[in-house]
Protein backbone atom coordinates (compact mmCIF):
# COMPACT_ATOMS: atom_id res chain seq x y z
CA UNK A 1 0.04 0.01 -0.26
CA UNK A 2 1.35 3.48 -0.81
CA UNK A 3 2.23 5.87 1.98
CA UNK A 4 -0.48 8.38 0.04
CA UNK A 5 -3.14 5.60 0.12
CA UNK A 6 -2.57 4.99 3.72
CA UNK A 7 -2.42 8.29 4.63
CA UNK A 8 -6.09 9.06 3.17
CA UNK A 9 -7.40 5.90 4.80
CA UNK A 10 -5.72 7.05 8.11
CA UNK A 11 -7.52 10.28 7.67
CA UNK A 12 -10.82 8.72 6.58
CA UNK A 13 -10.68 6.49 10.01
CA UNK A 14 -9.95 9.75 11.95
CA UNK A 15 -12.92 11.29 10.37
CA UNK A 16 -15.18 8.67 10.92
CA UNK A 17 -14.05 8.36 14.67
CA UNK A 18 -15.14 12.05 15.20
CA UNK A 19 -18.49 10.92 13.95
CA UNK A 20 -19.24 8.04 15.99
CA UNK A 21 -17.86 10.23 19.04
CA UNK A 22 -20.25 13.26 18.12
CA UNK A 23 -23.23 10.80 17.69
CA UNK A 24 -22.37 9.20 21.02
CA UNK A 25 -21.87 12.78 22.71
CA UNK A 26 -25.29 13.83 21.48
CA UNK A 27 -27.35 11.22 21.90
CA UNK A 28 -26.03 8.76 24.63
CA UNK A 29 -25.90 5.82 22.30
CA UNK A 30 -23.00 3.49 23.45
CA UNK A 31 -22.21 -0.02 21.85
CA UNK A 32 -23.43 -1.38 25.07
CA UNK A 33 -26.94 0.01 24.60
CA UNK A 34 -27.00 -1.03 21.08
CA UNK A 35 -26.26 -4.69 22.17
CA UNK A 36 -28.86 -4.29 24.67
CA UNK A 37 -31.62 -3.10 22.51
CA UNK A 38 -30.95 -5.31 19.63
CA UNK A 39 -31.29 -8.25 22.12
CA UNK A 40 -34.55 -7.10 23.58
CA UNK A 41 -36.16 -6.38 20.68
CA UNK A 42 -35.54 -9.35 18.91
CA UNK A 43 -36.55 -11.44 21.72
CA UNK A 44 -39.82 -9.79 21.20
CA UNK A 45 -39.93 -10.14 17.34
CA UNK A 46 -39.18 -13.87 18.01
CA UNK A 47 -42.36 -14.07 20.45
CA UNK A 48 -44.65 -12.35 18.37
CA UNK A 49 -47.23 -13.76 16.73
CA UNK A 50 -47.12 -12.32 13.48
CA UNK A 51 -43.73 -11.39 13.14
CA UNK A 52 -42.36 -14.65 14.86
CA UNK A 53 -43.00 -16.81 11.98
CA UNK A 54 -40.86 -14.48 9.51
CA UNK A 55 -37.99 -14.58 11.85
CA UNK A 56 -38.47 -18.37 12.45
CA UNK A 57 -36.12 -19.26 8.85
CA UNK A 58 -33.15 -17.60 10.82
CA UNK A 59 -30.70 -20.62 11.73
CA UNK A 60 -27.99 -19.14 13.81
CA UNK A 61 -29.24 -16.28 16.26
CA UNK A 62 -26.07 -15.83 17.78
CA UNK A 63 -24.98 -14.92 14.48
CA UNK A 64 -27.79 -12.94 13.41
CA UNK A 65 -27.85 -10.77 16.21
CA UNK A 66 -24.12 -9.77 15.99
CA UNK A 67 -24.92 -8.73 12.29
CA UNK A 68 -28.19 -6.51 13.32
CA UNK A 69 -25.81 -5.16 16.06
CA UNK A 70 -23.15 -4.06 13.46
CA UNK A 71 -26.34 -2.78 11.35
CA UNK A 72 -27.54 -0.74 13.94
CA UNK A 73 -24.25 0.43 15.41
CA UNK A 74 -23.61 1.25 11.38
CA UNK A 75 -26.95 3.21 11.24
CA UNK A 76 -27.16 5.34 14.33
CA UNK A 77 -23.08 5.74 15.06
CA UNK A 78 -22.39 5.95 11.78
CA UNK A 79 -19.13 3.19 12.77
CA UNK A 80 -19.12 1.52 8.94
CA UNK A 81 -19.06 -1.91 10.79
CA UNK A 82 -21.80 -3.31 8.93
CA UNK A 83 -21.24 -4.85 5.24
CA UNK A 84 -24.20 -6.35 3.85
CA UNK A 85 -27.47 -6.22 1.85
CA UNK A 86 -30.10 -6.01 3.95
CA UNK A 87 -32.77 -5.00 1.24
CA UNK A 88 -31.78 -7.79 -0.53
CA UNK A 89 -32.42 -10.20 2.62
CA UNK A 90 -36.04 -8.75 3.29
CA UNK A 91 -37.28 -8.24 0.13
CA UNK A 92 -38.33 -11.91 -0.97
CA UNK A 93 -39.89 -12.47 2.46
CA UNK A 94 -43.14 -10.85 0.84
CA UNK A 95 -43.50 -8.51 3.78
CA UNK A 96 -46.49 -6.34 3.83
CA UNK A 97 -47.54 -3.38 5.49
CA UNK A 98 -48.50 -4.88 8.68
CA UNK A 99 -45.68 -6.33 9.34
CA UNK A 100 -43.65 -3.07 9.08
CA UNK A 101 -46.37 -1.51 11.20
CA UNK A 102 -45.80 -4.11 13.89
CA UNK A 103 -41.92 -4.55 13.67
CA UNK A 104 -42.38 -0.23 14.69
CA UNK A 105 -44.43 -0.64 17.53
CA UNK A 106 -42.27 -3.44 19.05
CA UNK A 107 -38.99 -1.39 17.98
CA UNK A 108 -40.63 1.99 19.20
CA UNK A 109 -41.62 0.44 22.76
CA UNK A 110 -38.00 -1.25 22.93
CA UNK A 111 -36.02 2.28 22.07
CA UNK A 112 -38.40 4.02 24.79
CA UNK A 113 -37.68 1.49 27.10
CA UNK A 114 -34.12 1.13 26.91
CA UNK A 115 -32.92 4.12 25.89
CA UNK A 116 -32.30 8.01 27.09
CA UNK A 117 -35.21 10.41 24.76
CA UNK A 118 -32.21 11.46 22.13
CA UNK A 119 -31.18 8.00 21.66
CA UNK A 120 -34.48 6.61 21.06
CA UNK A 121 -35.75 9.40 18.90
CA UNK A 122 -32.61 8.80 16.51
CA UNK A 123 -33.04 5.07 16.84
CA UNK A 124 -36.96 5.58 16.04
CA UNK A 125 -36.58 7.91 13.25
CA UNK A 126 -33.89 5.62 11.63
CA UNK A 127 -36.04 2.71 11.89
CA UNK A 128 -39.09 4.23 10.13
CA UNK A 129 -37.07 5.37 7.36
CA UNK A 130 -36.02 1.95 7.19
CA UNK A 131 -39.10 0.30 7.37
CA UNK A 132 -40.46 2.62 4.85
CA UNK A 133 -37.89 1.97 2.51
CA UNK A 134 -38.40 -1.54 3.14
CA UNK A 135 -42.13 -1.21 2.36
CA UNK A 136 -41.49 0.55 -0.94
CA UNK A 137 -38.97 -1.73 -2.25
CA UNK A 138 -41.39 -5.03 -1.52
CA UNK A 139 -44.19 -3.19 -3.04
CA UNK A 140 -42.24 -2.48 -6.12
CA UNK A 141 -41.11 -6.05 -6.32
CA UNK A 142 -44.59 -6.99 -6.17
CA UNK A 143 -45.66 -4.56 -8.98
CA UNK A 144 -46.74 -1.75 -6.95
CA UNK A 145 -46.25 1.80 -5.96
CA UNK A 146 -46.41 2.49 -1.89
CA UNK A 147 -45.62 5.67 -0.67
CA UNK A 148 -43.68 6.17 2.74
CA UNK A 149 -45.89 5.74 5.87
CA UNK A 150 -43.94 5.98 8.73
CA UNK A 151 -41.43 8.78 8.52
CA UNK A 152 -42.75 11.58 10.26
CA UNK A 153 -43.25 14.56 8.55
CA UNK A 154 -43.09 18.46 9.78
């Protein structure tokens, strides 16, 4: 690796670290909080009458939870730890509106129980945007057009 490329990568890593520290300072979100949140939320999802069957296909929950913790770390703290294609994994599941609504209900309940208000607000905003994105993609794959339903409009 050239010295210039190494210097550019080091500078990018330093900028990312500043973003992570800023997000932590403004929201109180920590990796431990993300871990607790993801674990508790997916316990609820797995027990849920509507969502449990959707997630029954997961073979290795320890591996899946680790991936989800990396995903949410990347989403709320901008750590860049997640490398994957969540849309590709979810579109074949044929999810519909009530799946997204229930997922968000459980998500928001869990966020409000575990996180301080600023952290809960960030988690919830990101989750609503993700739900809308997934729901619109699922509709498109089924040959329909869907509009965002979950993001709060001001």
